[in-house]
Protein backbone atom coordinates (compact mmCIF):
# COMPACT_ATOMS: atom_id res chain seq x y z
CA MET A 1 -17.35 0.67 -6.81
CA ARG A 2 -17.97 -0.98 -3.44
CA ILE A 3 -17.90 -4.96 -3.20
CA GLU A 4 -19.63 -6.40 -0.41
CA ARG A 5 -19.61 -10.23 0.41
CA LYS A 6 -22.89 -11.55 1.80
CA ASP A 7 -21.90 -15.22 2.28
CA PRO A 8 -19.62 -16.55 5.16
CA VAL A 9 -15.99 -16.02 4.51
CA ALA A 10 -13.61 -18.81 4.81
CA LYS A 11 -10.92 -18.12 7.59
CA LEU A 12 -7.69 -16.87 6.01
CA THR A 13 -5.43 -17.83 8.95
CA PRO A 14 -5.27 -21.61 8.33
CA ARG A 15 -4.56 -21.03 4.66
CA LEU A 16 -1.65 -18.82 5.42
CA GLU A 17 -0.37 -21.20 8.08
CA ARG A 18 -0.26 -23.93 5.44
CA PHE A 19 1.46 -21.66 2.96
CA PHE A 20 4.02 -20.56 5.46
CA ILE A 21 4.73 -24.36 6.23
CA GLU A 22 4.38 -25.94 2.81
CA ALA A 23 5.68 -23.32 0.44
CA LEU A 24 8.14 -21.48 2.75
CA GLY A 25 9.55 -24.42 4.60
CA GLY A 26 8.28 -22.86 7.76
CA GLU A 27 8.04 -24.17 11.14
CA SER A 28 5.55 -22.96 13.95
CA LEU A 29 7.31 -21.27 16.74
CA ASP A 30 4.00 -21.62 19.01
CA ASP A 31 4.90 -25.30 19.60
CA MET A 32 8.42 -24.75 20.32
CA MET A 33 8.51 -21.55 22.62
CA HIS A 34 6.42 -20.02 25.28
CA ALA A 35 4.52 -16.78 24.13
CA GLU A 36 6.43 -14.39 26.37
CA VAL A 37 9.69 -15.67 24.80
CA ARG A 38 8.61 -16.04 21.28
CA LYS A 39 8.98 -12.94 19.00
CA ALA A 40 7.27 -14.40 15.87
CA ASP A 41 4.85 -17.13 15.05
CA PHE A 42 6.76 -18.78 12.21
CA ARG A 43 10.40 -19.28 11.11
CA CYS A 44 10.63 -19.54 7.36
CA LEU A 45 13.09 -20.04 4.62
CA ARG A 46 15.81 -21.65 6.85
CA GLY A 47 15.52 -18.88 9.36
CA LEU A 48 15.83 -15.93 6.87
CA LEU A 49 12.23 -14.92 7.31
CA ALA A 50 10.31 -14.48 10.67
CA ILE A 51 6.46 -13.96 10.33
CA GLU A 52 4.04 -12.58 12.98
CA LEU A 53 0.41 -13.40 12.23
CA LYS A 54 -2.08 -11.17 13.31
CA THR A 55 -5.74 -11.98 13.00
CA LEU A 56 -8.40 -9.23 13.84
CA LYS A 57 -11.11 -10.87 15.62
CA GLN A 58 -13.29 -7.84 16.49
CA ASP A 59 -13.72 -4.38 15.15
CA ALA A 60 -11.15 -2.18 16.63
CA SER A 61 -12.50 1.15 15.20
CA GLN A 62 -13.72 2.35 18.70
CA ARG A 63 -10.17 1.87 20.14
CA ILE A 64 -8.73 3.52 17.37
CA ASP A 65 -11.14 6.56 17.59
CA ASN A 66 -10.31 6.71 21.26
CA LEU A 67 -6.52 6.83 20.59
CA THR A 68 -6.81 9.42 17.86
CA SER A 69 -8.90 11.52 20.15
CA GLU A 70 -6.26 11.33 22.81
CA LEU A 71 -3.41 12.03 20.21
CA SER A 72 -5.42 15.13 18.88
CA GLN A 73 -4.86 16.94 22.27
CA CYS A 74 -0.98 16.66 21.53
CA PRO A 75 0.50 19.99 20.21
CA ASP A 76 2.24 18.27 17.26
CA TRP A 77 -0.87 16.43 16.12
CA PRO A 78 -2.07 17.84 12.85
CA LEU A 79 -5.60 19.17 12.20
CA PHE A 80 -7.50 17.29 9.52
CA PHE A 81 -11.07 17.65 8.23
CA GLY A 82 -12.45 14.38 7.07
CA SER A 83 -10.74 10.99 6.87
CA VAL A 84 -7.04 10.66 6.13
CA PRO A 85 -4.57 7.87 5.93
CA ILE A 86 -2.80 7.54 9.19
CA GLU A 87 0.49 7.95 7.48
CA SER A 88 -0.56 11.65 6.73
CA ALA A 89 -0.69 12.25 10.36
CA LEU A 90 2.39 10.27 11.18
CA LYS A 91 4.50 12.75 9.00
CA HIS A 92 3.77 15.54 11.42
CA VAL A 93 4.40 14.00 14.90
CA ARG A 94 7.68 14.15 16.94
CA ASP A 95 7.88 10.34 17.30
CA PRO A 96 6.07 8.68 14.49
CA GLU A 97 7.37 5.04 15.22
CA LYS A 98 6.13 5.25 18.84
CA VAL A 99 2.78 6.65 17.68
CA LYS A 100 2.37 3.94 15.06
CA ARG A 101 3.12 1.21 17.64
CA ARG A 102 0.39 2.69 19.71
CA PHE A 103 -1.98 2.20 16.96
CA VAL A 104 -0.80 -1.29 16.22
CA ASP A 105 -1.13 -2.12 20.11
CA ARG A 106 -4.61 -0.66 20.05
CA ILE A 107 -5.71 -2.76 17.14
CA ASP A 108 -4.02 -5.85 18.40
CA ASN A 109 -5.41 -5.44 21.88
CA ASP A 110 -8.72 -7.68 21.54
């Protein structure tokens, strides 16, 4: 079953930020550190939990398709017919963490 929302959707980011601060005792590191130094967006639970919040602002499917096409030229990239979860492909590559980071970077680069 496919469910599709037709009305405008309230932004999730402000609610998550409020949850991090109020429920987890978090503090925003955006106000405390410069972006190049900061490793996370929030420090919560007395410093036991660091949270990096990512919000996808635009469709990254074309960038992912471009990366997948590039990776499919590598000798260790498996052949698939149809759609598969990315984890299925990562099981077969030489350096799965590096490839996973490339996908995350491609999605996050908007």
